[in-house]
Amino acid sequence: MNQEGKHNDRGMRKWRPFASIPEQHIGLNKVLEGLNKVEKPILAADQQEQINEILMRANGTDKKVVLTYYKKGECITETCSIHSINPHTKALYFVDEVFEIKNKLQLNDVIDIRFA
């Protein structure tokens, strides 16, 4: 209390757990990120054939596809168009629908694909 009998608010800051120690905060974020990670799914031969067929049909066209791929422990799904496929480097180039940016992806990271 101050001289007038009132409480001083300066000492009453809200407590933010783990934010006071940056190393703990960073470590906690890494642990939480790790909880959401999944292992890369293993595809059966018929699933791989279906993916290859749709990729070939969609390659170089403006047909929209829903592409699911594995990246850094996550399965990501987005609507895009297949720009091109490089069989030598086994790379897939696609243009995402939201930002219209050309992206590169390894073919073996494709988990699922279907026409939108």
C-alpha atoms as a PDB file:
ATOM      1  CA  MET A   1       0.000   0.000   0.000  1.00  0.00           C
ATOM      2  CA  ASN A   2       1.121   3.551  -0.631  1.00  0.00           C
ATOM      3  CA  GLN A   3       0.803   6.522   1.733  1.00  0.00           C
ATOM      4  CA  GLU A   4      -2.843   7.122   0.842  1.00  0.00           C
ATOM      5  CA  GLY A   5      -3.835   3.554   1.718  1.00  0.00           C
ATOM      6  CA  LYS A   6      -4.273   2.445  -1.912  1.00  0.00           C
ATOM      7  CA  HIS A   7      -2.691  -0.592  -3.539  1.00  0.00           C
ATOM      8  CA  ASN A   8       0.151  -0.030  -5.969  1.00  0.00           C
ATOM      9  CA  ASP A   9      -0.690  -1.694  -9.341  1.00  0.00           C
ATOM     10  CA  ARG A  10       2.862  -1.644 -10.661  1.00  0.00           C
ATOM     11  CA  GLY A  11       3.764  -4.783  -8.721  1.00  0.00           C
ATOM     12  CA  MET A  12       0.611  -6.605  -9.833  1.00  0.00           C
ATOM     13  CA  ARG A  13       1.632  -7.724 -13.318  1.00  0.00           C
ATOM     14  CA  LYS A  14      -0.097 -10.746 -14.726  1.00  0.00           C
ATOM     15  CA  TRP A  15       1.926 -13.923 -14.497  1.00  0.00           C
ATOM     16  CA  ARG A  16       2.724 -15.504 -17.855  1.00  0.00           C
ATOM     17  CA  PRO A  17       3.764 -19.111 -17.363  1.00  0.00           C
ATOM     18  CA  PHE A  18       7.099 -20.037 -18.947  1.00  0.00           C
ATOM     19  CA  ALA A  19       7.427 -16.668 -20.714  1.00  0.00           C
ATOM     20  CA  SER A  20       9.729 -15.351 -18.009  1.00  0.00           C
ATOM     21  CA  ILE A  21      12.398 -17.887 -18.957  1.00  0.00           C
ATOM     22  CA  PRO A  22      12.895 -17.815 -22.745  1.00  0.00           C
ATOM     23  CA  GLU A  23      14.758 -21.135 -22.886  1.00  0.00           C
ATOM     24  CA  GLN A  24      11.872 -22.953 -21.200  1.00  0.00           C
ATOM     25  CA  HIS A  25       9.373 -21.214 -23.476  1.00  0.00           C
ATOM     26  CA  ILE A  26      11.282 -22.307 -26.586  1.00  0.00           C
ATOM     27  CA  GLY A  27      11.700 -25.845 -25.258  1.00  0.00           C
ATOM     28  CA  LEU A  28       8.000 -26.101 -24.418  1.00  0.00           C
ATOM     29  CA  ASN A  29       7.057 -24.947 -27.927  1.00  0.00           C
ATOM     30  CA  LYS A  30       9.275 -27.662 -29.433  1.00  0.00           C
ATOM     31  CA  VAL A  31       7.646 -30.326 -27.267  1.00  0.00           C
ATOM     32  CA  LEU A  32       4.155 -29.125 -28.209  1.00  0.00           C
ATOM     33  CA  GLU A  33       5.070 -29.081 -31.916  1.00  0.00           C
ATOM     34  CA  GLY A  34       6.345 -32.642 -31.613  1.00  0.00           C
ATOM     35  CA  LEU A  35       3.004 -33.837 -30.246  1.00  0.00           C
ATOM     36  CA  ASN A  36       1.274 -33.013 -33.546  1.00  0.00           C
ATOM     37  CA  LYS A  37       3.797 -34.813 -35.752  1.00  0.00           C
ATOM     38  CA  VAL A  38       2.848 -38.049 -37.460  1.00  0.00           C
ATOM     39  CA  GLU A  39       4.824 -40.710 -39.238  1.00  0.00           C
ATOM     40  CA  LYS A  40       4.766 -40.760 -43.012  1.00  0.00           C
ATOM     41  CA  PRO A  41       2.007 -43.101 -44.224  1.00  0.00           C
ATOM     42  CA  ILE A  42       3.040 -46.130 -46.263  1.00  0.00           C
ATOM     43  CA  LEU A  43       1.018 -46.427 -49.458  1.00  0.00           C
ATOM     44  CA  ALA A  44      -0.142 -49.671 -51.009  1.00  0.00           C
ATOM     45  CA  ALA A  45       0.703 -50.386 -54.658  1.00  0.00           C
ATOM     46  CA  ASP A  46      -2.845 -49.615 -55.839  1.00  0.00           C
ATOM     47  CA  GLN A  47      -2.787 -46.257 -54.026  1.00  0.00           C
ATOM     48  CA  GLN A  48       0.492 -45.364 -55.746  1.00  0.00           C
ATOM     49  CA  GLU A  49      -0.976 -46.344 -59.127  1.00  0.00           C
ATOM     50  CA  GLN A  50      -4.040 -44.183 -58.533  1.00  0.00           C
ATOM     51  CA  ILE A  51      -1.844 -41.228 -57.551  1.00  0.00           C
ATOM     52  CA  ASN A  52       0.309 -41.669 -60.683  1.00  0.00           C
ATOM     53  CA  GLU A  53      -2.755 -41.884 -62.921  1.00  0.00           C
ATOM     54  CA  ILE A  54      -4.317 -38.700 -61.564  1.00  0.00           C
ATOM     55  CA  LEU A  55      -0.967 -36.884 -61.699  1.00  0.00           C
ATOM     56  CA  MET A  56      -0.580 -37.809 -65.372  1.00  0.00           C
ATOM     57  CA  ARG A  57      -4.141 -36.736 -66.199  1.00  0.00           C
ATOM     58  CA  ALA A  58      -3.778 -33.432 -64.336  1.00  0.00           C
ATOM     59  CA  ASN A  59      -0.216 -32.625 -65.448  1.00  0.00           C
ATOM     60  CA  GLY A  60      -0.004 -29.378 -67.397  1.00  0.00           C
ATOM     61  CA  THR A  61      -3.743 -28.757 -67.315  1.00  0.00           C
ATOM     62  CA  ASP A  62      -5.705 -26.197 -65.350  1.00  0.00           C
ATOM     63  CA  LYS A  63      -7.721 -28.924 -63.649  1.00  0.00           C
ATOM     64  CA  LYS A  64      -7.850 -28.384 -59.895  1.00  0.00           C
ATOM     65  CA  VAL A  65      -6.829 -31.234 -57.639  1.00  0.00           C
ATOM     66  CA  VAL A  66      -6.873 -31.754 -53.900  1.00  0.00           C
ATOM     67  CA  LEU A  67      -3.318 -32.760 -53.060  1.00  0.00           C
ATOM     68  CA  THR A  68      -2.257 -34.284 -49.750  1.00  0.00           C
ATOM     69  CA  TYR A  69       1.453 -34.565 -49.044  1.00  0.00           C
ATOM     70  CA  TYR A  70       3.797 -35.268 -46.171  1.00  0.00           C
ATOM     71  CA  LYS A  71       6.136 -32.530 -44.972  1.00  0.00           C
ATOM     72  CA  LYS A  72       8.135 -32.340 -41.724  1.00  0.00           C
ATOM     73  CA  GLY A  73       5.870 -34.653 -39.749  1.00  0.00           C
ATOM     74  CA  GLU A  74       2.580 -33.254 -41.035  1.00  0.00           C
ATOM     75  CA  CYS A  75       0.054 -34.273 -43.669  1.00  0.00           C
ATOM     76  CA  ILE A  76      -0.862 -31.129 -45.594  1.00  0.00           C
ATOM     77  CA  THR A  77      -3.856 -30.885 -47.912  1.00  0.00           C
ATOM     78  CA  GLU A  78      -4.404 -28.088 -50.391  1.00  0.00           C
ATOM     79  CA  THR A  79      -6.217 -27.371 -53.611  1.00  0.00           C
ATOM     80  CA  CYS A  80      -3.880 -26.709 -56.516  1.00  0.00           C
ATOM     81  CA  SER A  81      -3.117 -27.388 -60.167  1.00  0.00           C
ATOM     82  CA  ILE A  82      -0.259 -29.601 -61.342  1.00  0.00           C
ATOM     83  CA  HIS A  83       2.232 -27.459 -63.248  1.00  0.00           C
ATOM     84  CA  SER A  84       4.761 -30.127 -64.236  1.00  0.00           C
ATOM     85  CA  ILE A  85       6.520 -33.327 -63.241  1.00  0.00           C
ATOM     86  CA  ASN A  86      10.255 -33.934 -63.594  1.00  0.00           C
ATOM     87  CA  PRO A  87      10.772 -37.704 -63.865  1.00  0.00           C
ATOM     88  CA  HIS A  88      14.570 -37.396 -63.564  1.00  0.00           C
ATOM     89  CA  THR A  89      14.549 -35.628 -60.200  1.00  0.00           C
ATOM     90  CA  LYS A  90      11.185 -37.164 -59.190  1.00  0.00           C
ATOM     91  CA  ALA A  91       9.874 -33.679 -58.439  1.00  0.00           C
ATOM     92  CA  LEU A  92       6.334 -32.408 -58.706  1.00  0.00           C
ATOM     93  CA  TYR A  93       5.656 -28.729 -59.341  1.00  0.00           C
ATOM     94  CA  PHE A  94       2.236 -27.411 -58.401  1.00  0.00           C
ATOM     95  CA  VAL A  95       0.552 -24.021 -58.156  1.00  0.00           C
ATOM     96  CA  ASP A  96      -1.434 -23.517 -54.980  1.00  0.00           C
ATOM     97  CA  GLU A  97      -4.895 -22.003 -55.248  1.00  0.00           C
ATOM     98  CA  VAL A  98      -4.545 -19.444 -52.449  1.00  0.00           C
ATOM     99  CA  PHE A  99      -1.324 -17.584 -53.299  1.00  0.00           C
ATOM    100  CA  GLU A 100      -0.876 -18.881 -56.863  1.00  0.00           C
ATOM    101  CA  ILE A 101       2.762 -19.690 -56.139  1.00  0.00           C
ATOM    102  CA  LYS A 102       4.652 -22.517 -57.818  1.00  0.00           C
ATOM    103  CA  ASN A 103       5.822 -25.066 -55.247  1.00  0.00           C
ATOM    104  CA  LYS A 104       8.170 -28.036 -55.513  1.00  0.00           C
ATOM    105  CA  LEU A 105       7.512 -31.385 -53.887  1.00  0.00           C
ATOM    106  CA  GLN A 106       9.144 -34.789 -54.102  1.00  0.00           C
ATOM    107  CA  LEU A 107       6.817 -37.321 -55.725  1.00  0.00           C
ATOM    108  CA  ASN A 108       7.344 -39.814 -52.916  1.00  0.00           C
ATOM    109  CA  ASP A 109       5.881 -37.278 -50.454  1.00  0.00           C
ATOM    110  CA  VAL A 110       2.481 -37.355 -52.179  1.00  0.00           C
ATOM    111  CA  ILE A 111       0.019 -39.241 -49.992  1.00  0.00           C
ATOM    112  CA  ASP A 112      -3.238 -38.670 -51.874  1.00  0.00           C
ATOM    113  CA  ILE A 113      -4.587 -36.763 -54.840  1.00  0.00           C
ATOM    114  CA  ARG A 114      -8.051 -36.415 -56.322  1.00  0.00           C
ATOM    115  CA  PHE A 115      -9.807 -34.074 -58.690  1.00  0.00           C
ATOM    116  CA  ALA A 116     -11.522 -31.167 -56.946  1.00  0.00           C
END
